[in-house]
Amino acid sequence: MSDYPPFQHGKSRFDQGTFFGRFRHFLDVIDPSTLFTTEKRLRESVELLDRFKQGTLPPGVTDAQLWQAQKIKQAIIHPDTGEKILMPFRMSGFIPFGTPVVVGLLLPNQTMMSTVFWQWLNQSHNACVNYSNRNASKPAPVSKFVQGYLGAVTSAVSIAVGLNVFLQKARRFSPATRLLVQRFIPFPAVASANVCNVVLMRHSELSEGISVLDDDGKVVGTSKVAARHALFETALTRVVLPMPILVLPPMIMATLEKLPLLQRRRGLVLPVHSLVCLAAFGLALPLAISLFPQMSQISVNQLEPEIAMATDCQIVTYNKGL
């Protein structure tokens, strides 16, 4: 018996109403194996899905083949523009291409210049990923993305440098304590920059509202209340995401570096550090983006009166974004 449910074009094969279902779905989304897809395999996947929509599938095609074809297409092709996303900026490339940046952020004994460089590189990578995977169904000015990028870089660098300066002037810390505390500085810098980026990129939604849909997927109105909920959920996700990535590795490495093996062979510290960061990143990313469903629900009673008058539904949905 197949583990795959009947194929549904454009849908997830996992239940998006549960955390575990969303977690399994996003494990599929970030699967780095799709980075090795050949042009021929991509073309075959797109053609297979086109034939499914046209109702001209050849005999013998299984649901597993259709789900795999959709996974490949969604990992590589932008759903709105139809163009290929550059490999480093795909969701499936976020962990393999982002891990070296995380390792750089968490290097001990950072200088002021290295702190600025790694924070800038991290926010630049994030900005490229956000732009490459943006909702392009409606044209948006590039200036909005530039504004979000500059705000994120400014806040990340300011907080990281400010905390480093404070730490250097703190006389009561021993050198060992100062080194340990310094390793945790990237988290508040990155978390605040992520929130700043979300607010700057999407602040117009607070004044204009976002669409809310009924049970049939029809737009019943535009809600500023739903926009506030969507921004809060997205910002919370962006705070949770770097937490295990930037908090767990320093804690783990502080313990591992005391082991006799790493004390004797200091050359192993960086490879071990990189593996710890990779494991933390691989776990944190799907966990964080699985916190809330992509399509969140809200009671009509919590929304504007005109929304309640426009539908008989008690619950409506909205797209929170990523």
Protein backbone atom coordinates (compact mmCIF):
# COMPACT_ATOMS: atom_id res chain seq x y z
CA MET A 1 0.00 0.00 0.00
CA SER A 2 1.37 3.44 -0.97
CA ASP A 3 2.25 5.99 1.72
CA TYR A 4 1.19 8.73 -0.68
CA PRO A 5 -2.40 10.11 -0.66
CA PRO A 6 -4.22 10.78 -3.94
CA PHE A 7 -2.42 13.58 -5.76
CA GLN A 8 -3.85 17.11 -5.56
CA HIS A 9 -2.23 19.74 -7.73
CA GLY A 10 -0.90 22.71 -5.77
CA LYS A 11 -1.71 21.12 -2.39
CA SER A 12 0.48 19.59 0.31
CA ARG A 13 0.37 15.84 0.85
CA PHE A 14 0.51 16.47 4.61
CA ASP A 15 -2.26 17.80 6.86
CA GLN A 16 -1.64 21.54 7.26
CA GLY A 17 -4.06 21.72 10.19
CA THR A 18 -1.57 20.06 12.57
CA PHE A 19 1.92 21.09 13.66
CA PHE A 20 3.35 17.66 12.75
CA GLY A 21 1.77 17.84 9.30
CA ARG A 22 3.25 21.29 8.69
CA PHE A 23 6.61 20.11 10.03
CA ARG A 24 6.69 17.18 7.57
CA HIS A 25 5.60 19.51 4.75
CA PHE A 26 8.43 21.97 5.41
CA LEU A 27 10.96 19.14 5.67
CA ASP A 28 9.98 18.46 2.06
CA VAL A 29 10.29 22.16 1.15
CA ILE A 30 13.84 22.52 2.54
CA ASP A 31 15.07 19.10 1.31
CA PRO A 32 18.51 19.92 -0.17
CA SER A 33 18.41 16.88 -2.47
CA THR A 34 16.38 18.96 -4.97
CA LEU A 35 19.46 21.16 -5.46
CA PHE A 36 20.95 18.30 -7.51
CA THR A 37 17.97 18.05 -9.89
CA THR A 38 19.10 18.01 -13.53
CA GLU A 39 17.54 20.17 -16.24
CA LYS A 40 16.12 17.03 -17.83
CA ARG A 41 14.51 15.89 -14.57
CA LEU A 42 13.02 19.35 -13.99
CA ARG A 43 11.62 19.47 -17.52
CA GLU A 44 10.09 16.00 -17.12
CA SER A 45 8.50 17.01 -13.81
CA VAL A 46 6.94 20.17 -15.28
CA GLU A 47 5.64 18.23 -18.31
CA LEU A 48 4.14 15.51 -16.08
CA LEU A 49 2.25 18.10 -14.01
CA ASP A 50 1.04 19.85 -17.18
CA ARG A 51 -0.30 16.55 -18.51
CA PHE A 52 -2.04 15.92 -15.18
CA LYS A 53 -3.85 19.28 -15.48
CA GLN A 54 -4.78 18.50 -19.09
CA GLY A 55 -6.03 15.04 -18.14
CA THR A 56 -3.61 13.32 -20.54
CA LEU A 57 -1.45 11.34 -18.10
CA PRO A 58 0.14 8.22 -19.60
CA PRO A 59 -0.99 4.93 -18.02
CA GLY A 60 0.98 3.68 -15.04
CA VAL A 61 1.88 7.07 -13.52
CA THR A 62 1.60 6.80 -9.72
CA ASP A 63 0.64 9.34 -7.06
CA ALA A 64 4.19 9.06 -5.71
CA GLN A 65 5.61 10.19 -9.07
CA LEU A 66 3.20 13.14 -9.22
CA TRP A 67 3.97 14.27 -5.67
CA GLN A 68 7.72 14.01 -6.37
CA ALA A 69 7.32 15.99 -9.61
CA GLN A 70 5.45 18.73 -7.74
CA LYS A 71 8.11 18.79 -4.99
CA ILE A 72 10.83 19.33 -7.60
CA LYS A 73 8.93 22.04 -9.47
CA GLN A 74 7.97 23.95 -6.32
CA ALA A 75 11.56 23.82 -5.03
CA ILE A 76 13.05 25.33 -8.21
CA ILE A 77 10.40 27.33 -10.11
CA HIS A 78 8.86 30.52 -8.69
CA PRO A 79 5.07 29.99 -8.65
CA ASP A 80 4.24 33.55 -9.81
CA THR A 81 7.03 34.41 -12.26
CA GLY A 82 7.60 30.88 -13.62
CA GLU A 83 11.34 31.51 -13.53
CA LYS A 84 14.07 29.41 -11.89
CA ILE A 85 15.20 30.61 -8.47
CA LEU A 86 18.97 30.86 -8.09
CA MET A 87 20.28 27.88 -6.11
CA PRO A 88 21.66 29.77 -3.03
CA PHE A 89 18.33 31.57 -2.59
CA ARG A 90 15.95 28.60 -2.79
CA MET A 91 14.33 27.39 0.43
CA SER A 92 16.06 24.04 -0.23
CA GLY A 93 19.40 25.88 -0.30
CA PHE A 94 18.79 27.96 2.82
CA ILE A 95 20.52 25.51 5.18
CA PRO A 96 23.55 24.42 3.09
CA PHE A 97 24.29 27.99 1.95
CA GLY A 98 23.29 29.63 5.23
CA THR A 99 25.26 27.38 7.58
CA PRO A 100 28.70 28.90 6.76
CA VAL A 101 27.23 32.31 7.62
CA VAL A 102 25.91 30.98 10.95
CA VAL A 103 29.34 29.50 11.71
CA GLY A 104 30.88 32.92 10.98
CA LEU A 105 28.39 34.69 13.23
CA LEU A 106 29.28 32.39 16.12
CA LEU A 107 33.08 32.44 15.78
CA PRO A 108 34.72 33.31 19.11
CA ASN A 109 36.94 36.35 19.66
CA GLN A 110 35.25 38.47 16.98
CA THR A 111 36.77 41.83 16.08
CA MET A 112 34.54 44.85 15.40
CA MET A 113 35.09 44.50 11.65
CA SER A 114 34.35 40.75 11.60
CA THR A 115 31.15 41.35 13.62
CA VAL A 116 29.97 43.95 11.08
CA PHE A 117 30.95 41.71 8.13
CA TRP A 118 29.11 38.57 9.32
CA GLN A 119 25.98 40.51 10.35
CA TRP A 120 25.95 42.24 6.95
CA LEU A 121 26.48 38.95 5.09
CA ASN A 122 23.73 37.23 7.08
CA GLN A 123 21.17 39.97 6.39
CA SER A 124 22.21 40.13 2.72
CA HIS A 125 21.63 36.39 2.35
CA ASN A 126 18.27 36.65 4.13
CA ALA A 127 17.24 39.57 1.91
CA CYS A 128 18.08 37.64 -1.26
CA VAL A 129 16.12 34.59 -0.03
CA ASN A 130 13.13 36.78 0.90
CA TYR A 131 13.15 38.56 -2.45
CA SER A 132 13.62 35.38 -4.49
CA ASN A 133 10.67 33.71 -2.71
CA ARG A 134 8.43 36.79 -2.51
CA ASN A 135 4.75 36.88 -3.44
CA ALA A 136 5.01 38.27 -6.98
CA SER A 137 1.29 38.01 -7.85
CA LYS A 138 1.04 41.78 -7.31
CA PRO A 139 3.83 44.11 -8.42
CA ALA A 140 5.75 45.59 -5.49
CA PRO A 141 8.33 48.38 -5.74
CA VAL A 142 11.91 47.26 -5.29
CA SER A 143 12.31 50.21 -2.91
CA LYS A 144 10.21 48.33 -0.35
CA PHE A 145 12.71 45.46 -0.32
CA VAL A 146 15.66 47.87 -0.21
CA GLN A 147 14.05 49.65 2.76
CA GLY A 148 13.61 46.35 4.60
CA TYR A 149 17.17 45.29 3.80
CA LEU A 150 18.76 48.54 4.97
CA GLY A 151 16.66 48.53 8.16
CA ALA A 152 17.63 44.94 8.95
CA VAL A 153 21.35 45.55 8.32
CA THR A 154 21.34 48.76 10.38
CA SER A 155 19.57 47.19 13.37
CA ALA A 156 21.66 43.98 13.28
CA VAL A 157 24.99 45.79 13.07
CA SER A 158 24.02 48.47 15.63
CA ILE A 159 22.91 45.96 18.26
CA ALA A 160 25.84 43.57 17.70
CA VAL A 161 28.44 46.35 17.80
CA GLY A 162 26.73 48.05 20.77
CA LEU A 163 26.67 44.86 22.81
CA ASN A 164 30.31 44.12 21.94
CA VAL A 165 31.37 47.60 23.06
CA PHE A 166 29.40 47.20 26.28
CA LEU A 167 31.00 43.81 26.89
CA GLN A 168 34.51 45.17 26.37
CA LYS A 169 33.88 47.92 28.94
CA ALA A 170 32.32 45.54 31.50
CA ARG A 171 35.16 45.17 34.01
CA ARG A 172 33.41 42.70 36.28
CA PHE A 173 33.44 39.87 33.70
CA SER A 174 36.35 37.45 33.68
CA PRO A 175 37.93 36.71 30.26
CA ALA A 176 36.21 33.28 30.16
CA THR A 177 32.80 34.78 31.01
CA ARG A 178 33.31 37.59 28.48
CA LEU A 179 34.08 35.03 25.75
CA LEU A 180 30.98 33.00 26.64
CA VAL A 181 28.66 36.02 26.69
CA GLN A 182 30.14 37.27 23.41
CA ARG A 183 29.02 34.06 21.70
CA PHE A 184 25.36 34.85 22.48
CA ILE A 185 25.44 38.39 21.06
CA PRO A 186 24.42 37.33 17.50
CA PHE A 187 20.96 36.16 18.67
CA PRO A 188 19.48 39.50 19.86
CA ALA A 189 21.06 41.24 16.87
CA VAL A 190 19.64 38.80 14.31
CA ALA A 191 16.23 38.45 16.01
CA SER A 192 15.70 42.23 16.19
CA ALA A 193 16.85 42.63 12.58
CA ASN A 194 14.38 39.95 11.46
CA VAL A 195 11.49 41.75 13.19
CA CYS A 196 12.63 45.09 11.76
CA ASN A 197 12.72 43.56 8.27
CA VAL A 198 9.15 42.19 8.60
CA VAL A 199 7.75 45.50 9.87
CA LEU A 200 9.49 47.63 7.21
CA MET A 201 8.60 45.26 4.35
CA ARG A 202 4.95 44.80 5.34
CA HIS A 203 3.95 47.90 7.30
CA SER A 204 1.55 48.94 4.51
CA GLU A 205 -0.60 45.91 5.36
CA LEU A 206 -1.42 47.49 8.73
CA SER A 207 -3.02 50.50 7.05
CA GLU A 208 -4.44 48.76 3.98
CA GLY A 209 -5.40 45.39 5.52
CA ILE A 210 -5.14 41.91 3.99
CA SER A 211 -7.71 39.70 2.28
CA VAL A 212 -9.75 37.25 4.37
CA LEU A 213 -11.44 34.26 2.76
CA ASP A 214 -14.50 32.13 3.51
CA ASP A 215 -14.77 28.32 3.53
CA ASP A 216 -14.90 28.25 -0.28
CA GLY A 217 -11.75 30.33 -0.65
CA LYS A 218 -13.62 33.45 -1.78
CA VAL A 219 -12.46 36.86 -0.59
CA VAL A 220 -15.07 38.35 1.74
CA GLY A 221 -13.22 41.56 2.56
CA THR A 222 -10.03 43.28 3.66
CA SER A 223 -9.13 43.35 7.35
CA LYS A 224 -6.59 45.43 9.28
CA VAL A 225 -7.14 43.22 12.34
CA ALA A 226 -6.16 40.11 10.35
CA ALA A 227 -3.11 42.04 9.10
CA ARG A 228 -1.99 42.70 12.69
CA HIS A 229 -2.37 38.98 13.50
CA ALA A 230 -0.45 38.00 10.36
CA LEU A 231 2.43 40.37 11.12
CA PHE A 232 2.61 39.22 14.75
CA GLU A 233 2.74 35.54 13.75
CA THR A 234 5.40 36.19 11.10
CA ALA A 235 7.51 38.32 13.47
CA LEU A 236 7.27 35.65 16.19
CA THR A 237 8.40 33.01 13.70
CA ARG A 238 11.39 35.21 12.75
CA VAL A 239 12.35 35.54 16.44
CA VAL A 240 12.02 31.81 17.15
CA LEU A 241 13.97 30.77 14.02
CA PRO A 242 17.42 32.04 15.08
CA MET A 243 16.96 30.99 18.71
CA PRO A 244 18.13 27.35 18.47
CA ILE A 245 20.56 28.24 15.67
CA LEU A 246 22.36 30.97 17.61
CA VAL A 247 21.76 29.87 21.23
CA LEU A 248 22.24 26.10 21.22
CA PRO A 249 25.63 25.89 19.43
CA PRO A 250 27.40 28.24 21.90
CA MET A 251 26.02 26.21 24.82
CA ILE A 252 27.02 22.89 23.22
CA MET A 253 30.46 24.11 22.13
CA ALA A 254 31.20 25.53 25.59
CA THR A 255 30.84 21.95 26.86
CA LEU A 256 32.55 20.15 23.96
CA GLU A 257 35.61 22.41 24.03
CA LYS A 258 36.37 21.14 27.54
CA LEU A 259 36.71 17.56 26.26
CA PRO A 260 40.30 16.24 26.32
CA LEU A 261 40.17 15.43 22.58
CA LEU A 262 39.36 19.02 21.57
CA GLN A 263 41.77 20.37 24.16
CA ARG A 264 44.60 18.38 22.54
CA ARG A 265 43.54 18.86 18.91
CA ARG A 266 42.34 22.46 18.53
CA GLY A 267 42.13 22.01 14.77
CA LEU A 268 38.98 19.93 15.28
CA VAL A 269 37.10 22.77 16.99
CA LEU A 270 35.98 24.52 13.77
CA PRO A 271 34.76 21.32 12.00
CA VAL A 272 32.87 20.23 15.14
CA HIS A 273 31.47 23.75 15.51
CA SER A 274 30.29 23.65 11.88
CA LEU A 275 28.55 20.28 12.36
CA VAL A 276 26.80 21.52 15.51
CA CYS A 277 25.59 24.65 13.63
CA LEU A 278 24.41 22.54 10.69
CA ALA A 279 22.41 20.22 12.98
CA ALA A 280 20.86 23.17 14.87
CA PHE A 281 19.99 24.97 11.61
CA GLY A 282 18.45 21.82 10.08
CA LEU A 283 16.21 21.34 13.11
CA ALA A 284 15.31 24.98 13.75
CA LEU A 285 14.19 26.01 10.26
CA PRO A 286 11.29 23.53 9.79
CA LEU A 287 10.29 23.88 13.47
CA ALA A 288 10.04 27.67 13.28
CA ILE A 289 8.14 27.93 10.00
CA SER A 290 5.76 25.18 11.16
CA LEU A 291 4.61 27.17 14.22
CA PHE A 292 1.62 28.67 12.40
CA PRO A 293 -0.27 27.41 9.34
CA GLN A 294 0.36 29.30 6.12
CA MET A 295 -3.39 29.92 6.00
CA SER A 296 -4.34 30.97 9.55
CA GLN A 297 -7.89 31.11 10.92
CA ILE A 298 -9.59 33.83 12.91
CA SER A 299 -13.09 34.28 14.34
CA VAL A 300 -15.30 36.74 12.45
CA ASN A 301 -16.25 38.28 15.82
CA GLN A 302 -12.66 39.54 16.19
CA LEU A 303 -12.74 41.35 12.83
CA GLU A 304 -14.31 44.53 11.53
CA PRO A 305 -18.16 44.68 11.47
CA GLU A 306 -18.24 44.87 7.67
CA ILE A 307 -16.52 41.48 7.45
CA ALA A 308 -19.20 39.89 9.66
CA MET A 309 -21.92 41.42 7.46
CA ALA A 310 -20.29 40.06 4.28
CA THR A 311 -20.28 36.36 5.26
CA ASP A 312 -22.26 33.75 7.20
CA CYS A 313 -19.06 31.97 8.22
CA GLN A 314 -17.99 32.01 11.86
CA ILE A 315 -14.34 31.46 10.96
CA VAL A 316 -12.39 33.01 8.08
CA THR A 317 -8.82 32.46 6.90
CA TYR A 318 -5.94 34.69 5.84
CA ASN A 319 -2.48 34.13 4.37
CA LYS A 320 0.06 35.09 7.04
CA GLY A 321 3.08 34.94 4.73
CA LEU A 322 6.51 33.57 5.70
